[in-house]
Amino acid sequence: MSVIIRKPTPEEEEEASKWKTWTKGITMFEMNYKQSERCLILEGEVKVIAEGKYYYFKGGDYVIFKKGLIAKWIIKSPVRKKYLFEDK
């Protein structure tokens, strides 16, 4: 699976607190993942369309996007997240 959505562990929350913060208002865009991304959604609601499937996540979710994925982001309410790109 190229998109994983789950609740973070306490250790993941602690680690994510050190990552960069990204914010974005209501919009739609395509994302081509040249690296894997791990992110902790702090607030907002998002629908992502990837590989013919729909994924929904919101504040409190921990999301992993695999390298090579092409996804369409549809931000339903403004998003604030902590994120980290990795060459995995």
Protein backbone atom coordinates (compact mmCIF):
# COMPACT_ATOMS: atom_id res chain seq x y z
CA MET A 1 0.00 0.00 0.00
CA SER A 2 1.40 3.40 -1.00
CA VAL A 3 -0.58 5.45 1.54
CA ILE A 4 -0.73 4.43 5.19
CA ILE A 5 -2.99 6.29 7.64
CA ARG A 6 -3.02 5.52 11.34
CA LYS A 7 -2.73 7.07 14.78
CA PRO A 8 0.86 7.89 15.84
CA THR A 9 2.67 6.27 18.72
CA PRO A 10 3.88 8.57 21.51
CA GLU A 11 7.43 8.13 20.16
CA GLU A 12 6.33 9.18 16.66
CA GLU A 13 4.60 12.26 18.07
CA GLU A 14 7.79 13.22 19.91
CA GLU A 15 9.92 12.71 16.79
CA ALA A 16 7.46 14.67 14.59
CA SER A 17 7.61 17.65 16.96
CA LYS A 18 11.16 18.26 15.62
CA TRP A 19 10.14 18.23 11.92
CA LYS A 20 9.30 21.23 9.73
CA THR A 21 5.74 22.58 9.72
CA TRP A 22 3.69 23.02 6.53
CA THR A 23 0.39 24.86 6.20
CA LYS A 24 -1.98 25.13 3.27
CA GLY A 25 -5.48 26.52 2.76
CA ILE A 26 -8.37 24.93 0.93
CA THR A 27 -7.10 23.90 -2.50
CA MET A 28 -6.35 20.99 -4.87
CA PHE A 29 -2.97 19.99 -6.31
CA GLU A 30 -1.04 17.00 -7.61
CA MET A 31 1.96 15.68 -5.70
CA ASN A 32 4.67 13.48 -7.24
CA TYR A 33 6.58 11.83 -4.40
CA LYS A 34 10.22 11.66 -5.42
CA GLN A 35 10.93 10.70 -1.78
CA SER A 36 8.85 9.01 0.88
CA GLU A 37 7.08 11.34 3.30
CA ARG A 38 6.02 10.82 6.88
CA CYS A 39 3.70 13.43 8.35
CA LEU A 40 1.67 14.12 11.45
CA ILE A 41 -1.50 16.04 10.65
CA LEU A 42 -2.01 18.67 13.35
CA GLU A 43 -5.25 20.11 11.98
CA GLY A 44 -7.42 20.12 8.87
CA GLU A 45 -9.13 17.57 6.65
CA VAL A 46 -7.77 16.10 3.42
CA LYS A 47 -8.90 13.69 0.72
CA VAL A 48 -6.14 12.15 -1.40
CA ILE A 49 -6.75 10.25 -4.62
CA ALA A 50 -3.95 7.83 -5.51
CA GLU A 51 -3.76 4.57 -7.43
CA GLY A 52 -7.51 4.67 -8.06
CA LYS A 53 -8.34 4.83 -4.33
CA TYR A 54 -9.62 7.55 -2.00
CA TYR A 55 -7.87 8.23 1.30
CA TYR A 56 -9.20 10.52 4.03
CA PHE A 57 -7.24 11.90 6.95
CA LYS A 58 -7.50 14.70 9.49
CA GLY A 59 -5.90 16.24 12.55
CA GLY A 60 -4.37 13.57 14.78
CA ASP A 61 -3.53 11.17 11.95
CA TYR A 62 -0.05 9.91 11.04
CA VAL A 63 0.31 9.47 7.28
CA ILE A 64 3.04 7.80 5.22
CA PHE A 65 3.35 8.32 1.46
CA LYS A 66 5.65 5.93 -0.39
CA LYS A 67 8.31 7.08 -2.85
CA GLY A 68 7.08 7.05 -6.47
CA LEU A 69 3.44 7.76 -5.61
CA ILE A 70 1.48 10.32 -7.63
CA ALA A 71 -1.42 11.70 -5.61
CA LYS A 72 -4.05 14.38 -5.98
CA TRP A 73 -4.56 16.32 -2.75
CA ILE A 74 -7.96 17.87 -2.07
CA ILE A 75 -7.73 19.98 1.08
CA LYS A 76 -11.21 20.30 2.60
CA SER A 77 -10.23 22.52 5.55
CA PRO A 78 -6.90 24.31 6.13
CA VAL A 79 -4.09 21.93 6.98
CA ARG A 80 -1.16 22.23 9.33
CA LYS A 81 1.23 19.29 9.49
CA LYS A 82 4.70 18.26 10.62
CA TYR A 83 6.56 16.44 7.86
CA LEU A 84 9.77 14.65 6.92
CA PHE A 85 10.92 13.53 3.45
CA GLU A 86 13.22 10.50 3.28
CA ASP A 87 14.99 8.51 0.55
CA LYS A 88 13.26 5.24 1.45
